[in-house]
Amino acid sequence: MPAIDAAVIWSLAVVAIAGVLALAWRAVRGVRRIAERLDDFVDDWNGVGPRPGVPERPGVMTRLTQIEGRLSSMEHELQPNSGQTLRDAVNRVDRRTRDLANDDNQ
């Protein structure tokens, strides 16, 4: 019976080693997935230069600077100043409408 005992022990050892390898494989695969996602995040944050067939993607800070520039130009249009902004045009239309309404009431 020592041969059967040895076979059982070797079988258990093989199963245990296979289980450890399977767990290690799953852990490595999970870490690899996280690393790929982290790499994608870093690429999105920093931006990616142009490649053949793929246009450049600016990074987050560049895009925020562009958004702030567009926002400041929109804010300029909403403040009355030299008569050329949208706010000035709305004020003129409002004043003319009010004048027309007052003329009709008199």
Protein backbone atom coordinates (compact mmCIF):
# COMPACT_ATOMS: atom_id res chain seq x y z
CA MET A 1 0.00 0.00 0.00
CA PRO A 2 2.91 2.43 0.19
CA ALA A 3 2.66 2.87 -3.61
CA ILE A 4 -0.98 3.97 -3.34
CA ASP A 5 -0.13 6.35 -0.48
CA ALA A 6 2.66 7.86 -2.55
CA ALA A 7 0.32 8.24 -5.56
CA VAL A 8 -2.32 9.98 -3.43
CA ILE A 9 0.28 12.33 -1.93
CA TRP A 10 1.69 13.17 -5.39
CA SER A 11 -1.83 13.71 -6.73
CA LEU A 12 -2.65 16.08 -3.89
CA ALA A 13 0.64 17.92 -4.45
CA VAL A 14 -0.12 18.30 -8.18
CA VAL A 15 -3.64 19.55 -7.47
CA ALA A 16 -2.34 22.00 -4.83
CA ILE A 17 0.34 23.34 -7.18
CA ALA A 18 -2.20 23.66 -10.02
CA GLY A 19 -4.55 25.55 -7.68
CA VAL A 20 -1.80 27.94 -6.60
CA LEU A 21 -0.81 28.52 -10.24
CA ALA A 22 -4.45 29.18 -11.20
CA LEU A 23 -4.82 31.72 -8.37
CA ALA A 24 -1.54 33.36 -9.33
CA TRP A 25 -2.69 33.55 -12.97
CA ARG A 26 -5.96 35.22 -11.97
CA ALA A 27 -4.11 37.70 -9.74
CA VAL A 28 -1.63 38.55 -12.50
CA ARG A 29 -4.47 38.97 -15.00
CA GLY A 30 -6.33 41.31 -12.63
CA VAL A 31 -3.22 43.39 -11.95
CA ARG A 32 -2.54 43.56 -15.70
CA ARG A 33 -6.10 44.82 -16.34
CA ILE A 34 -5.72 47.51 -13.69
CA ALA A 35 -2.35 48.54 -15.14
CA GLU A 36 -3.89 48.85 -18.62
CA ARG A 37 -6.70 51.03 -17.27
CA LEU A 38 -4.20 53.16 -15.38
CA ASP A 39 -2.16 53.53 -18.57
CA ASP A 40 -5.31 54.64 -20.45
CA PHE A 41 -6.03 57.19 -17.71
CA VAL A 42 -2.50 58.58 -17.89
CA ASP A 43 -2.77 58.83 -21.69
CA ASP A 44 -6.09 60.68 -21.36
CA TRP A 45 -4.66 63.01 -18.72
CA ASN A 46 -1.43 63.83 -20.56
CA GLY A 47 -2.76 63.58 -24.11
CA VAL A 48 -1.50 61.50 -26.99
CA GLY A 49 0.48 62.77 -29.96
CA PRO A 50 -0.60 62.07 -33.53
CA ARG A 51 0.14 58.69 -35.07
CA PRO A 52 -0.37 57.55 -38.64
CA GLY A 53 -4.12 57.45 -39.16
CA VAL A 54 -4.91 58.72 -35.65
CA PRO A 55 -5.22 62.43 -34.82
CA GLU A 56 -3.68 64.01 -31.75
CA ARG A 57 -5.71 63.92 -28.53
CA PRO A 58 -4.89 66.84 -26.24
CA GLY A 59 -4.53 66.23 -22.53
CA VAL A 60 -6.86 67.34 -19.78
CA MET A 61 -4.96 70.52 -18.89
CA THR A 62 -4.80 71.64 -22.54
CA ARG A 63 -8.51 70.98 -22.94
CA LEU A 64 -9.30 72.89 -19.73
CA THR A 65 -7.29 75.86 -21.00
CA GLN A 66 -9.28 75.80 -24.24
CA ILE A 67 -12.57 75.58 -22.33
CA GLU A 68 -11.56 78.49 -20.08
CA GLY A 69 -10.73 80.57 -23.17
CA ARG A 70 -14.09 79.85 -24.74
CA LEU A 71 -15.86 80.54 -21.45
CA SER A 72 -14.15 83.89 -21.01
CA SER A 73 -15.18 84.93 -24.54
CA MET A 74 -18.79 83.96 -23.72
CA GLU A 75 -18.63 85.89 -20.45
CA HIS A 76 -17.41 88.91 -22.43
CA GLU A 77 -20.53 88.69 -24.60
CA LEU A 78 -22.78 88.70 -21.51
CA GLN A 79 -21.39 91.94 -20.04
CA PRO A 80 -22.47 95.35 -21.38
CA ASN A 81 -19.51 97.33 -22.66
CA SER A 82 -18.78 98.94 -26.04
CA GLY A 83 -22.14 98.25 -27.66
CA GLN A 84 -20.92 95.28 -29.67
CA THR A 85 -21.72 92.43 -27.28
CA LEU A 86 -24.79 90.25 -27.14
CA ARG A 87 -25.79 91.87 -23.84
CA ASP A 88 -25.74 95.30 -25.48
CA ALA A 89 -27.89 94.03 -28.35
CA VAL A 90 -30.43 92.57 -25.93
CA ASN A 91 -30.51 95.84 -24.01
CA ARG A 92 -31.12 97.78 -27.24
CA VAL A 93 -33.96 95.47 -28.27
CA ASP A 94 -35.48 95.71 -24.79
CA ARG A 95 -35.24 99.52 -24.82
CA ARG A 96 -36.81 99.73 -28.30
CA THR A 97 -39.61 97.33 -27.33
CA ARG A 98 -40.29 99.33 -24.18
CA ASP A 99 -40.33 102.58 -26.21
CA LEU A 100 -42.76 101.05 -28.73
CA ALA A 101 -45.01 99.76 -25.95
CA ASN A 102 -44.99 103.20 -24.29
CA ASP A 103 -45.81 104.90 -27.61
CA ASP A 104 -48.78 102.57 -28.11
CA ASN A 105 -50.09 103.28 -24.60
CA GLN A 106 -50.08 107.05 -25.08
